[in-house]
């Protein structure tokens, strides 16, 4: 029974990773599609490959998710399964409505909510959650906005005497590099979260003794993110690429460079941030250099609501799922 449950948990985790891939495809390619630097099909394949490479670049974030949020001694297969189901439900709801919410925060909220349902608030590492999730939840979007604004401002100053056609041609090439950097950074942070959950499941089942992520887990999660990214997520790509602001290649380059820099730095520090929020606010920061009204703030308001709701909603969903499953998967 325990082995069967573990297999179900791992399969569910890989389904979450697949959904994460197509749900967050927009993070990596919305700007490069919007600016017509790459066709949608080529952009998706481009992002899928670099997401895969990024996913294999480290395990710092995986260890934070697996052992840094809750007391591993109280985590069971039922807790992990409930956390994954809650996060999947929220991801599908926000994908259906084209709202770029955070898969990362959905997973963290799910894990915390299911753990509280199982063992109470004391089983959550409050300090770790505050400093590695809540603080970055507010700081990373501000950094994305600020860096996007500053990079764009610098580029406008550097190319102020250049002909628009020349600038457009240059940044069509440059945006290939920035979108590659963005796709790599997305894989380096987002794929690792599922790796952490699978490793935690293996640890709680006694299959492994430490939170070191097995190579097959890394490859499996990277592969399912690759497949999910290759499937695309057109509803959210549309929101990110055109409904927030009309982008040109120079804007796409600035937004992707700013966001990827923040994400890669966070991955190196083992901080699970929302790649969705960082690229969203980077686009807003870039748009604000054109004029403040260039950003469609009504759309931004919808994104912010999802941003604030994700963790508490996923906590509630996962707690409900845990109580529904606890007699079958304690």
C-alpha atoms as a PDB file:
ATOM      1  CA  UNK A   1       0.000   0.000   0.000  1.00  0.00           C
ATOM      2  CA  UNK A   2       2.775   2.464   0.938  1.00  0.00           C
ATOM      3  CA  UNK A   3       4.668   1.769  -2.267  1.00  0.00           C
ATOM      4  CA  UNK A   4       1.494   2.183  -4.340  1.00  0.00           C
ATOM      5  CA  UNK A   5       0.792   5.491  -2.619  1.00  0.00           C
ATOM      6  CA  UNK A   6       4.369   6.656  -3.251  1.00  0.00           C
ATOM      7  CA  UNK A   7       4.009   5.853  -6.954  1.00  0.00           C
ATOM      8  CA  UNK A   8       0.724   7.818  -7.067  1.00  0.00           C
ATOM      9  CA  UNK A   9       2.434  10.780  -5.367  1.00  0.00           C
ATOM     10  CA  UNK A  10       5.325  10.735  -7.845  1.00  0.00           C
ATOM     11  CA  UNK A  11       2.950  10.506 -10.832  1.00  0.00           C
ATOM     12  CA  UNK A  12       0.891  13.409  -9.423  1.00  0.00           C
ATOM     13  CA  UNK A  13       4.072  15.439  -8.907  1.00  0.00           C
ATOM     14  CA  UNK A  14       5.084  14.880 -12.531  1.00  0.00           C
ATOM     15  CA  UNK A  15       1.580  15.898 -13.664  1.00  0.00           C
ATOM     16  CA  UNK A  16       2.024  19.086 -11.613  1.00  0.00           C
ATOM     17  CA  UNK A  17       5.398  19.650 -13.320  1.00  0.00           C
ATOM     18  CA  UNK A  18       3.814  19.184 -16.743  1.00  0.00           C
ATOM     19  CA  UNK A  19       1.032  21.659 -15.895  1.00  0.00           C
ATOM     20  CA  UNK A  20       3.642  24.017 -14.452  1.00  0.00           C
ATOM     21  CA  UNK A  21       5.427  23.826 -17.814  1.00  0.00           C
ATOM     22  CA  UNK A  22       2.474  24.874 -19.960  1.00  0.00           C
ATOM     23  CA  UNK A  23       1.060  27.206 -17.277  1.00  0.00           C
ATOM     24  CA  UNK A  24       4.347  29.125 -17.036  1.00  0.00           C
ATOM     25  CA  UNK A  25       5.461  28.907 -20.676  1.00  0.00           C
ATOM     26  CA  UNK A  26       4.485  32.556 -20.924  1.00  0.00           C
ATOM     27  CA  UNK A  27       7.212  33.497 -18.446  1.00  0.00           C
ATOM     28  CA  UNK A  28       9.875  32.450 -20.898  1.00  0.00           C
ATOM     29  CA  UNK A  29       8.397  33.289 -24.292  1.00  0.00           C
ATOM     30  CA  UNK A  30       5.536  35.826 -24.089  1.00  0.00           C
ATOM     31  CA  UNK A  31       7.810  38.751 -24.870  1.00  0.00           C
ATOM     32  CA  UNK A  32       9.705  37.053 -27.699  1.00  0.00           C
ATOM     33  CA  UNK A  33       6.402  35.999 -29.322  1.00  0.00           C
ATOM     34  CA  UNK A  34       4.782  39.403 -28.797  1.00  0.00           C
ATOM     35  CA  UNK A  35       7.714  41.177 -30.468  1.00  0.00           C
ATOM     36  CA  UNK A  36       7.633  38.621 -33.361  1.00  0.00           C
ATOM     37  CA  UNK A  37      11.291  37.765 -32.899  1.00  0.00           C
ATOM     38  CA  UNK A  38      10.336  34.068 -32.996  1.00  0.00           C
ATOM     39  CA  UNK A  39       7.244  32.282 -34.238  1.00  0.00           C
ATOM     40  CA  UNK A  40       5.127  30.755 -31.451  1.00  0.00           C
ATOM     41  CA  UNK A  41       6.135  27.185 -32.386  1.00  0.00           C
ATOM     42  CA  UNK A  42       9.865  27.965 -32.507  1.00  0.00           C
ATOM     43  CA  UNK A  43       9.670  30.013 -29.312  1.00  0.00           C
ATOM     44  CA  UNK A  44       8.020  27.159 -27.409  1.00  0.00           C
ATOM     45  CA  UNK A  45      10.603  24.600 -28.536  1.00  0.00           C
ATOM     46  CA  UNK A  46      13.392  27.087 -27.760  1.00  0.00           C
ATOM     47  CA  UNK A  47      12.030  27.636 -24.248  1.00  0.00           C
ATOM     48  CA  UNK A  48      11.397  23.932 -23.668  1.00  0.00           C
ATOM     49  CA  UNK A  49      15.019  22.988 -24.346  1.00  0.00           C
ATOM     50  CA  UNK A  50      16.434  25.761 -22.154  1.00  0.00           C
ATOM     51  CA  UNK A  51      13.925  25.011 -19.381  1.00  0.00           C
ATOM     52  CA  UNK A  52      15.262  21.444 -19.416  1.00  0.00           C
ATOM     53  CA  UNK A  53      18.878  22.640 -19.171  1.00  0.00           C
ATOM     54  CA  UNK A  54      18.011  25.093 -16.390  1.00  0.00           C
ATOM     55  CA  UNK A  55      16.212  22.380 -14.445  1.00  0.00           C
ATOM     56  CA  UNK A  56      19.430  20.363 -14.248  1.00  0.00           C
ATOM     57  CA  UNK A  57      21.557  23.308 -13.099  1.00  0.00           C
ATOM     58  CA  UNK A  58      21.264  22.795  -9.320  1.00  0.00           C
ATOM     59  CA  UNK A  59      19.200  21.634  -6.347  1.00  0.00           C
ATOM     60  CA  UNK A  60      19.302  24.543  -3.862  1.00  0.00           C
ATOM     61  CA  UNK A  61      15.637  25.427  -4.351  1.00  0.00           C
ATOM     62  CA  UNK A  62      14.623  21.746  -4.226  1.00  0.00           C
ATOM     63  CA  UNK A  63      16.208  21.391  -0.785  1.00  0.00           C
ATOM     64  CA  UNK A  64      14.419  24.502   0.464  1.00  0.00           C
ATOM     65  CA  UNK A  65      11.038  23.139  -0.667  1.00  0.00           C
ATOM     66  CA  UNK A  66      11.755  19.611   0.589  1.00  0.00           C
ATOM     67  CA  UNK A  67      13.053  20.407   4.054  1.00  0.00           C
ATOM     68  CA  UNK A  68      12.928  24.163   4.606  1.00  0.00           C
ATOM     69  CA  UNK A  69       9.193  24.821   4.824  1.00  0.00           C
ATOM     70  CA  UNK A  70       7.730  22.186   7.165  1.00  0.00           C
ATOM     71  CA  UNK A  71       8.895  19.563   9.683  1.00  0.00           C
ATOM     72  CA  UNK A  72       9.772  16.568   7.525  1.00  0.00           C
ATOM     73  CA  UNK A  73       9.045  14.194  10.418  1.00  0.00           C
ATOM     74  CA  UNK A  74       5.292  14.872  10.192  1.00  0.00           C
ATOM     75  CA  UNK A  75       5.022  14.827   6.399  1.00  0.00           C
ATOM     76  CA  UNK A  76       3.299  11.758   4.960  1.00  0.00           C
ATOM     77  CA  UNK A  77       2.426  10.669   1.432  1.00  0.00           C
ATOM     78  CA  UNK A  78      -1.121  11.912   2.099  1.00  0.00           C
ATOM     79  CA  UNK A  79       0.164  15.390   2.973  1.00  0.00           C
ATOM     80  CA  UNK A  80       2.245  15.588  -0.196  1.00  0.00           C
ATOM     81  CA  UNK A  81      -0.567  14.242  -2.383  1.00  0.00           C
ATOM     82  CA  UNK A  82      -3.022  16.781  -0.942  1.00  0.00           C
ATOM     83  CA  UNK A  83      -0.508  19.610  -1.486  1.00  0.00           C
ATOM     84  CA  UNK A  84      -0.021  18.627  -5.127  1.00  0.00           C
ATOM     85  CA  UNK A  85      -3.739  18.242  -5.858  1.00  0.00           C
ATOM     86  CA  UNK A  86      -4.527  21.642  -4.311  1.00  0.00           C
ATOM     87  CA  UNK A  87      -1.790  23.315  -6.371  1.00  0.00           C
ATOM     88  CA  UNK A  88      -2.901  21.547  -9.573  1.00  0.00           C
ATOM     89  CA  UNK A  89      -6.521  22.651  -9.112  1.00  0.00           C
ATOM     90  CA  UNK A  90      -5.494  26.290  -8.641  1.00  0.00           C
ATOM     91  CA  UNK A  91      -3.106  26.182 -11.624  1.00  0.00           C
ATOM     92  CA  UNK A  92      -5.848  24.847 -13.876  1.00  0.00           C
ATOM     93  CA  UNK A  93      -8.345  27.471 -12.692  1.00  0.00           C
ATOM     94  CA  UNK A  94      -5.933  30.365 -13.308  1.00  0.00           C
ATOM     95  CA  UNK A  95      -4.799  28.863 -16.645  1.00  0.00           C
ATOM     96  CA  UNK A  96      -8.419  28.572 -17.810  1.00  0.00           C
ATOM     97  CA  UNK A  97      -9.032  32.266 -17.110  1.00  0.00           C
ATOM     98  CA  UNK A  98      -5.643  33.297 -18.541  1.00  0.00           C
ATOM     99  CA  UNK A  99      -4.388  34.675 -15.214  1.00  0.00           C
ATOM    100  CA  UNK A 100      -0.590  34.409 -14.730  1.00  0.00           C
ATOM    101  CA  UNK A 101      -0.519  33.167 -11.143  1.00  0.00           C
ATOM    102  CA  UNK A 102       2.441  31.560  -9.381  1.00  0.00           C
ATOM    103  CA  UNK A 103       2.867  27.768  -9.555  1.00  0.00           C
ATOM    104  CA  UNK A 104       5.590  28.168  -6.927  1.00  0.00           C
ATOM    105  CA  UNK A 105       3.314  29.829  -4.405  1.00  0.00           C
ATOM    106  CA  UNK A 106       0.578  27.320  -5.237  1.00  0.00           C
ATOM    107  CA  UNK A 107       2.909  24.474  -4.281  1.00  0.00           C
ATOM    108  CA  UNK A 108       4.190  26.211  -1.134  1.00  0.00           C
ATOM    109  CA  UNK A 109       0.631  27.079  -0.063  1.00  0.00           C
ATOM    110  CA  UNK A 110      -0.465  23.518  -0.728  1.00  0.00           C
ATOM    111  CA  UNK A 111       2.366  22.008   1.289  1.00  0.00           C
ATOM    112  CA  UNK A 112       1.825  24.362   4.229  1.00  0.00           C
ATOM    113  CA  UNK A 113      -1.972  23.921   4.193  1.00  0.00           C
ATOM    114  CA  UNK A 114      -1.827  20.129   4.053  1.00  0.00           C
ATOM    115  CA  UNK A 115       0.812  20.005   6.804  1.00  0.00           C
ATOM    116  CA  UNK A 116      -1.302  22.203   9.096  1.00  0.00           C
ATOM    117  CA  UNK A 117      -4.314  19.964   8.404  1.00  0.00           C
ATOM    118  CA  UNK A 118      -2.216  16.956   9.415  1.00  0.00           C
ATOM    119  CA  UNK A 119      -0.211  18.210  12.405  1.00  0.00           C
ATOM    120  CA  UNK A 120      -1.152  21.802  13.224  1.00  0.00           C
ATOM    121  CA  UNK A 121       0.591  25.149  12.814  1.00  0.00           C
ATOM    122  CA  UNK A 122       3.577  24.097  14.941  1.00  0.00           C
ATOM    123  CA  UNK A 123       4.672  21.716  12.147  1.00  0.00           C
ATOM    124  CA  UNK A 124       5.358  24.684   9.838  1.00  0.00           C
ATOM    125  CA  UNK A 125       8.769  26.360  10.014  1.00  0.00           C
ATOM    126  CA  UNK A 126       7.365  29.857  10.351  1.00  0.00           C
ATOM    127  CA  UNK A 127      10.674  31.705  10.191  1.00  0.00           C
ATOM    128  CA  UNK A 128      11.805  29.852   7.081  1.00  0.00           C
ATOM    129  CA  UNK A 129       8.473  30.404   5.326  1.00  0.00           C
ATOM    130  CA  UNK A 130       8.553  34.114   6.230  1.00  0.00           C
ATOM    131  CA  UNK A 131      12.115  34.808   5.081  1.00  0.00           C
ATOM    132  CA  UNK A 132      12.267  32.420   2.103  1.00  0.00           C
ATOM    133  CA  UNK A 133       8.720  32.779   0.766  1.00  0.00           C
ATOM    134  CA  UNK A 134       6.789  35.756   2.151  1.00  0.00           C
ATOM    135  CA  UNK A 135       9.609  38.338   2.042  1.00  0.00           C
ATOM    136  CA  UNK A 136      10.781  37.297  -1.469  1.00  0.00           C
ATOM    137  CA  UNK A 137       7.119  37.260  -2.544  1.00  0.00           C
ATOM    138  CA  UNK A 138       7.087  41.060  -2.101  1.00  0.00           C
ATOM    139  CA  UNK A 139      10.754  41.899  -2.726  1.00  0.00           C
ATOM    140  CA  UNK A 140      11.319  39.947  -5.967  1.00  0.00           C
ATOM    141  CA  UNK A 141       8.516  41.690  -7.938  1.00  0.00           C
ATOM    142  CA  UNK A 142       9.845  45.054  -6.747  1.00  0.00           C
ATOM    143  CA  UNK A 143      13.316  44.072  -7.945  1.00  0.00           C
ATOM    144  CA  UNK A 144      11.868  42.928 -11.273  1.00  0.00           C
ATOM    145  CA  UNK A 145      10.043  46.247 -11.712  1.00  0.00           C
ATOM    146  CA  UNK A 146      13.068  48.320 -10.662  1.00  0.00           C
ATOM    147  CA  UNK A 147      15.602  46.457 -12.785  1.00  0.00           C
ATOM    148  CA  UNK A 148      13.254  46.447 -15.781  1.00  0.00           C
ATOM    149  CA  UNK A 149      12.770  50.211 -15.426  1.00  0.00           C
ATOM    150  CA  UNK A 150      16.495  50.924 -14.970  1.00  0.00           C
ATOM    151  CA  UNK A 151      17.698  48.640 -17.779  1.00  0.00           C
ATOM    152  CA  UNK A 152      15.149  50.117 -20.171  1.00  0.00           C
ATOM    153  CA  UNK A 153      16.060  53.652 -19.130  1.00  0.00           C
ATOM    154  CA  UNK A 154      19.752  52.886 -19.735  1.00  0.00           C
ATOM    155  CA  UNK A 155      19.022  51.434 -23.175  1.00  0.00           C
ATOM    156  CA  UNK A 156      16.921  54.459 -24.132  1.00  0.00           C
ATOM    157  CA  UNK A 157      19.814  56.749 -23.167  1.00  0.00           C
ATOM    158  CA  UNK A 158      22.418  54.604 -25.003  1.00  0.00           C
ATOM    159  CA  UNK A 159      20.414  54.453 -28.232  1.00  0.00           C
ATOM    160  CA  UNK A 160      18.708  57.846 -28.137  1.00  0.00           C
ATOM    161  CA  UNK A 161      20.468  58.991 -31.357  1.00  0.00           C
ATOM    162  CA  UNK A 162      20.065  55.699 -33.198  1.00  0.00           C
ATOM    163  CA  UNK A 163      17.534  55.129 -35.951  1.00  0.00           C
ATOM    164  CA  UNK A 164      14.488  53.126 -34.811  1.00  0.00           C
ATOM    165  CA  UNK A 165      14.924  50.542 -37.606  1.00  0.00           C
ATOM    166  CA  UNK A 166      18.542  49.915 -36.584  1.00  0.00           C
ATOM    167  CA  UNK A 167      17.578  49.548 -32.897  1.00  0.00           C
ATOM    168  CA  UNK A 168      14.737  47.195 -33.803  1.00  0.00           C
ATOM    169  CA  UNK A 169      17.020  45.020 -35.945  1.00  0.00           C
ATOM    170  CA  UNK A 170      19.731  44.863 -33.244  1.00  0.00           C
ATOM    171  CA  UNK A 171      17.378  43.894 -30.433  1.00  0.00           C
ATOM    172  CA  UNK A 172      15.624  41.245 -32.498  1.00  0.00           C
ATOM    173  CA  UNK A 173      18.972  39.424 -32.349  1.00  0.00           C
ATOM    174  CA  UNK A 174      19.694  40.411 -28.746  1.00  0.00           C
ATOM    175  CA  UNK A 175      16.305  39.185 -27.612  1.00  0.00           C
ATOM    176  CA  UNK A 176      17.236  35.647 -28.646  1.00  0.00           C
ATOM    177  CA  UNK A 177      19.901  35.792 -25.914  1.00  0.00           C
ATOM    178  CA  UNK A 178      17.644  37.377 -23.294  1.00  0.00           C
ATOM    179  CA  UNK A 179      14.792  34.919 -23.932  1.00  0.00           C
ATOM    180  CA  UNK A 180      17.276  32.034 -23.664  1.00  0.00           C
ATOM    181  CA  UNK A 181      18.463  33.457 -20.332  1.00  0.00           C
ATOM    182  CA  UNK A 182      14.855  33.801 -19.183  1.00  0.00           C
ATOM    183  CA  UNK A 183      13.953  30.222 -20.154  1.00  0.00           C
ATOM    184  CA  UNK A 184      17.066  28.850 -18.439  1.00  0.00           C
ATOM    185  CA  UNK A 185      16.329  30.824 -15.262  1.00  0.00           C
ATOM    186  CA  UNK A 186      12.720  29.605 -15.226  1.00  0.00           C
ATOM    187  CA  UNK A 187      13.888  25.988 -15.328  1.00  0.00           C
ATOM    188  CA  UNK A 188      16.505  26.634 -12.650  1.00  0.00           C
ATOM    189  CA  UNK A 189      13.873  27.782 -10.162  1.00  0.00           C
ATOM    190  CA  UNK A 190      10.494  26.276 -11.050  1.00  0.00           C
ATOM    191  CA  UNK A 191      11.481  22.708 -11.950  1.00  0.00           C
ATOM    192  CA  UNK A 192      13.419  22.353  -8.708  1.00  0.00           C
ATOM    193  CA  UNK A 193      10.294  22.846  -6.611  1.00  0.00           C
ATOM    194  CA  UNK A 194       8.770  19.617  -7.839  1.00  0.00           C
ATOM    195  CA  UNK A 195      12.137  17.891  -7.392  1.00  0.00           C
ATOM    196  CA  UNK A 196      11.990  18.929  -3.736  1.00  0.00           C
ATOM    197  CA  UNK A 197       8.486  17.504  -3.296  1.00  0.00           C
ATOM    198  CA  UNK A 198       9.374  14.164  -4.922  1.00  0.00           C
ATOM    199  CA  UNK A 199      12.541  13.918  -2.821  1.00  0.00           C
ATOM    200  CA  UNK A 200      10.501  14.674   0.311  1.00  0.00           C
ATOM    201  CA  UNK A 201       8.098  11.862  -0.658  1.00  0.00           C
ATOM    202  CA  UNK A 202      11.010   9.451  -1.046  1.00  0.00           C
ATOM    203  CA  UNK A 203      12.444  10.570   2.306  1.00  0.00           C
ATOM    204  CA  UNK A 204       9.139  10.193   4.167  1.00  0.00           C
ATOM    205  CA  UNK A 205       8.748   6.700   2.716  1.00  0.00           C
ATOM    206  CA  UNK A 206      12.244   5.677   3.829  1.00  0.00           C
ATOM    207  CA  UNK A 207      13.513   5.129   0.267  1.00  0.00           C
ATOM    208  CA  UNK A 208      16.317   7.661   0.826  1.00  0.00           C
ATOM    209  CA  UNK A 209      17.914   8.894   4.051  1.00  0.00           C
ATOM    210  CA  UNK A 210      18.849  12.508   3.210  1.00  0.00           C
ATOM    211  CA  UNK A 211      17.343  15.386   1.200  1.00  0.00           C
ATOM    212  CA  UNK A 212      19.882  14.965  -1.602  1.00  0.00           C
ATOM    213  CA  UNK A 213      17.931  14.947  -4.867  1.00  0.00           C
ATOM    214  CA  UNK A 214      18.465  11.707  -6.852  1.00  0.00           C
ATOM    215  CA  UNK A 215      19.587  12.139 -10.469  1.00  0.00           C
ATOM    216  CA  UNK A 216      16.536  10.289 -11.817  1.00  0.00           C
ATOM    217  CA  UNK A 217      14.269  12.752 -10.006  1.00  0.00           C
ATOM    218  CA  UNK A 218      16.105  15.698 -11.594  1.00  0.00           C
ATOM    219  CA  UNK A 219      15.858  14.184 -15.070  1.00  0.00           C
ATOM    220  CA  UNK A 220      12.198  13.178 -14.643  1.00  0.00           C
ATOM    221  CA  UNK A 221      11.125  16.643 -13.457  1.00  0.00           C
ATOM    222  CA  UNK A 222      13.188  18.371 -16.146  1.00  0.00           C
ATOM    223  CA  UNK A 223      11.629  16.125 -18.806  1.00  0.00           C
ATOM    224  CA  UNK A 224       8.042  16.777 -17.702  1.00  0.00           C
ATOM    225  CA  UNK A 225       8.667  20.517 -17.546  1.00  0.00           C
ATOM    226  CA  UNK A 226      10.112  20.239 -21.070  1.00  0.00           C
ATOM    227  CA  UNK A 227       6.982  18.420 -22.265  1.00  0.00           C
ATOM    228  CA  UNK A 228       4.644  20.878 -20.550  1.00  0.00           C
ATOM    229  CA  UNK A 229       6.499  23.862 -21.981  1.00  0.00           C
ATOM    230  CA  UNK A 230       6.369  22.283 -25.445  1.00  0.00           C
ATOM    231  CA  UNK A 231       2.571  22.020 -25.078  1.00  0.00           C
ATOM    232  CA  UNK A 232       2.316  25.800 -24.674  1.00  0.00           C
ATOM    233  CA  UNK A 233      -0.039  27.972 -22.639  1.00  0.00           C
ATOM    234  CA  UNK A 234      -1.633  30.352 -25.102  1.00  0.00           C
ATOM    235  CA  UNK A 235      -4.140  32.007 -22.779  1.00  0.00           C
ATOM    236  CA  UNK A 236      -1.416  33.270 -20.432  1.00  0.00           C
ATOM    237  CA  UNK A 237       0.997  34.047 -23.284  1.00  0.00           C
ATOM    238  CA  UNK A 238      -1.663  36.394 -24.645  1.00  0.00           C
ATOM    239  CA  UNK A 239      -2.080  38.143 -21.276  1.00  0.00           C
ATOM    240  CA  UNK A 240       1.650  38.508 -20.654  1.00  0.00           C
ATOM    241  CA  UNK A 241       2.670  39.383 -24.194  1.00  0.00           C
ATOM    242  CA  UNK A 242       0.070  41.905 -25.251  1.00  0.00           C
ATOM    243  CA  UNK A 243      -2.566  42.703 -22.650  1.00  0.00           C
ATOM    244  CA  UNK A 244      -0.155  44.255 -20.115  1.00  0.00           C
ATOM    245  CA  UNK A 245       1.744  46.445 -22.623  1.00  0.00           C
ATOM    246  CA  UNK A 246       2.571  46.564 -26.332  1.00  0.00           C
ATOM    247  CA  UNK A 247       6.186  45.380 -26.624  1.00  0.00           C
ATOM    248  CA  UNK A 248       9.014  45.993 -29.083  1.00  0.00           C
ATOM    249  CA  UNK A 249      12.233  43.901 -29.175  1.00  0.00           C
ATOM    250  CA  UNK A 250      14.150  46.407 -27.034  1.00  0.00           C
ATOM    251  CA  UNK A 251      11.418  46.235 -24.380  1.00  0.00           C
ATOM    252  CA  UNK A 252      11.397  42.433 -24.493  1.00  0.00           C
ATOM    253  CA  UNK A 253      15.174  42.336 -24.084  1.00  0.00           C
ATOM    254  CA  UNK A 254      15.078  44.668 -21.067  1.00  0.00           C
ATOM    255  CA  UNK A 255      12.236  42.801 -19.343  1.00  0.00           C
ATOM    256  CA  UNK A 256      13.722  39.339 -19.893  1.00  0.00           C
ATOM    257  CA  UNK A 257      17.213  40.378 -18.800  1.00  0.00           C
ATOM    258  CA  UNK A 258      15.917  42.014 -15.628  1.00  0.00           C
ATOM    259  CA  UNK A 259      13.666  39.106 -14.698  1.00  0.00           C
ATOM    260  CA  UNK A 260      16.210  36.381 -15.484  1.00  0.00           C
ATOM    261  CA  UNK A 261      18.866  38.130 -13.392  1.00  0.00           C
ATOM    262  CA  UNK A 262      16.574  38.177 -10.350  1.00  0.00           C
ATOM    263  CA  UNK A 263      15.479  34.547 -10.855  1.00  0.00           C
ATOM    264  CA  UNK A 264      18.968  33.065 -11.356  1.00  0.00           C
ATOM    265  CA  UNK A 265      20.247  34.904  -8.267  1.00  0.00           C
ATOM    266  CA  UNK A 266      17.336  33.538  -6.222  1.00  0.00           C
ATOM    267  CA  UNK A 267      17.962  29.997  -7.486  1.00  0.00           C
ATOM    268  CA  UNK A 268      21.603  30.205  -6.423  1.00  0.00           C
ATOM    269  CA  UNK A 269      20.458  31.254  -2.933  1.00  0.00           C
ATOM    270  CA  UNK A 270      17.857  28.465  -2.723  1.00  0.00           C
ATOM    271  CA  UNK A 271      14.930  30.910  -2.656  1.00  0.00           C
ATOM    272  CA  UNK A 272      11.752  29.651  -4.379  1.00  0.00           C
ATOM    273  CA  UNK A 273      10.341  32.792  -5.980  1.00  0.00           C
ATOM    274  CA  UNK A 274       7.532  33.310  -8.442  1.00  0.00           C
ATOM    275  CA  UNK A 275       8.974  33.558 -11.942  1.00  0.00           C
ATOM    276  CA  UNK A 276       5.523  34.723 -13.059  1.00  0.00           C
ATOM    277  CA  UNK A 277       5.514  37.710 -10.736  1.00  0.00           C
ATOM    278  CA  UNK A 278       9.075  38.709 -11.587  1.00  0.00           C
ATOM    279  CA  UNK A 279       8.606  38.724 -15.381  1.00  0.00           C
ATOM    280  CA  UNK A 280       5.192  40.417 -14.987  1.00  0.00           C
ATOM    281  CA  UNK A 281       6.621  43.279 -12.942  1.00  0.00           C
ATOM    282  CA  UNK A 282       9.691  43.521 -15.171  1.00  0.00           C
ATOM    283  CA  UNK A 283       7.355  44.106 -18.129  1.00  0.00           C
ATOM    284  CA  UNK A 284       5.514  46.738 -16.058  1.00  0.00           C
ATOM    285  CA  UNK A 285       8.807  48.433 -15.157  1.00  0.00           C
ATOM    286  CA  UNK A 286       9.847  48.547 -18.810  1.00  0.00           C
ATOM    287  CA  UNK A 287       6.434  49.871 -19.827  1.00  0.00           C
ATOM    288  CA  UNK A 288       6.592  52.639 -17.248  1.00  0.00           C
ATOM    289  CA  UNK A 289       9.569  54.200 -19.060  1.00  0.00           C
ATOM    290  CA  UNK A 290       7.343  54.833 -22.094  1.00  0.00           C
ATOM    291  CA  UNK A 291       4.669  56.498 -20.003  1.00  0.00           C
ATOM    292  CA  UNK A 292       2.864  55.422 -16.865  1.00  0.00           C
ATOM    293  CA  UNK A 293      -0.413  55.039 -18.712  1.00  0.00           C
ATOM    294  CA  UNK A 294       1.179  52.670 -21.265  1.00  0.00           C
ATOM    295  CA  UNK A 295       0.763  49.854 -18.744  1.00  0.00           C
ATOM    296  CA  UNK A 296      -2.775  48.436 -18.729  1.00  0.00           C
ATOM    297  CA  UNK A 297      -3.275  48.681 -14.993  1.00  0.00           C
ATOM    298  CA  UNK A 298      -6.690  46.982 -15.075  1.00  0.00           C
ATOM    299  CA  UNK A 299      -5.020  43.773 -16.256  1.00  0.00           C
ATOM    300  CA  UNK A 300      -2.279  44.315 -13.681  1.00  0.00           C
ATOM    301  CA  UNK A 301      -4.947  44.508 -10.965  1.00  0.00           C
ATOM    302  CA  UNK A 302      -6.284  41.074 -11.967  1.00  0.00           C
ATOM    303  CA  UNK A 303      -2.757  39.647 -11.806  1.00  0.00           C
ATOM    304  CA  UNK A 304      -2.218  41.171  -8.346  1.00  0.00           C
ATOM    305  CA  UNK A 305      -5.423  39.632  -7.011  1.00  0.00           C
ATOM    306  CA  UNK A 306      -4.250  36.185  -8.093  1.00  0.00           C
ATOM    307  CA  UNK A 307      -0.840  36.949  -6.580  1.00  0.00           C
ATOM    308  CA  UNK A 308      -2.346  37.691  -3.154  1.00  0.00           C
ATOM    309  CA  UNK A 309      -4.892  34.866  -3.259  1.00  0.00           C
ATOM    310  CA  UNK A 310      -2.653  31.992  -4.417  1.00  0.00           C
ATOM    311  CA  UNK A 311      -1.046  30.947  -1.116  1.00  0.00           C
ATOM    312  CA  UNK A 312      -4.154  31.191   1.136  1.00  0.00           C
ATOM    313  CA  UNK A 313      -6.449  29.591  -1.472  1.00  0.00           C
ATOM    314  CA  UNK A 314      -4.029  26.693  -2.039  1.00  0.00           C
ATOM    315  CA  UNK A 315      -3.638  26.249   1.715  1.00  0.00           C
ATOM    316  CA  UNK A 316      -7.402  25.900   1.988  1.00  0.00           C
ATOM    317  CA  UNK A 317      -7.761  23.624  -1.044  1.00  0.00           C
ATOM    318  CA  UNK A 318      -4.998  21.296   0.137  1.00  0.00           C
ATOM    319  CA  UNK A 319      -6.379  21.138   3.676  1.00  0.00           C
ATOM    320  CA  UNK A 320      -9.780  20.131   2.276  1.00  0.00           C
ATOM    321  CA  UNK A 321      -8.172  17.502   0.035  1.00  0.00           C
ATOM    322  CA  UNK A 322      -6.120  16.129   2.946  1.00  0.00           C
ATOM    323  CA  UNK A 323      -9.205  15.673   5.115  1.00  0.00           C
ATOM    324  CA  UNK A 324     -11.010  14.020   2.206  1.00  0.00           C
ATOM    325  CA  UNK A 325      -8.147  11.568   1.635  1.00  0.00           C
ATOM    326  CA  UNK A 326      -6.778  11.015   5.128  1.00  0.00           C
ATOM    327  CA  UNK A 327      -8.485   7.670   5.765  1.00  0.00           C
ATOM    328  CA  UNK A 328      -7.107   6.298   2.499  1.00  0.00           C
ATOM    329  CA  UNK A 329      -3.822   8.244   2.421  1.00  0.00           C
ATOM    330  CA  UNK A 330      -3.043   9.345   5.998  1.00  0.00           C
END
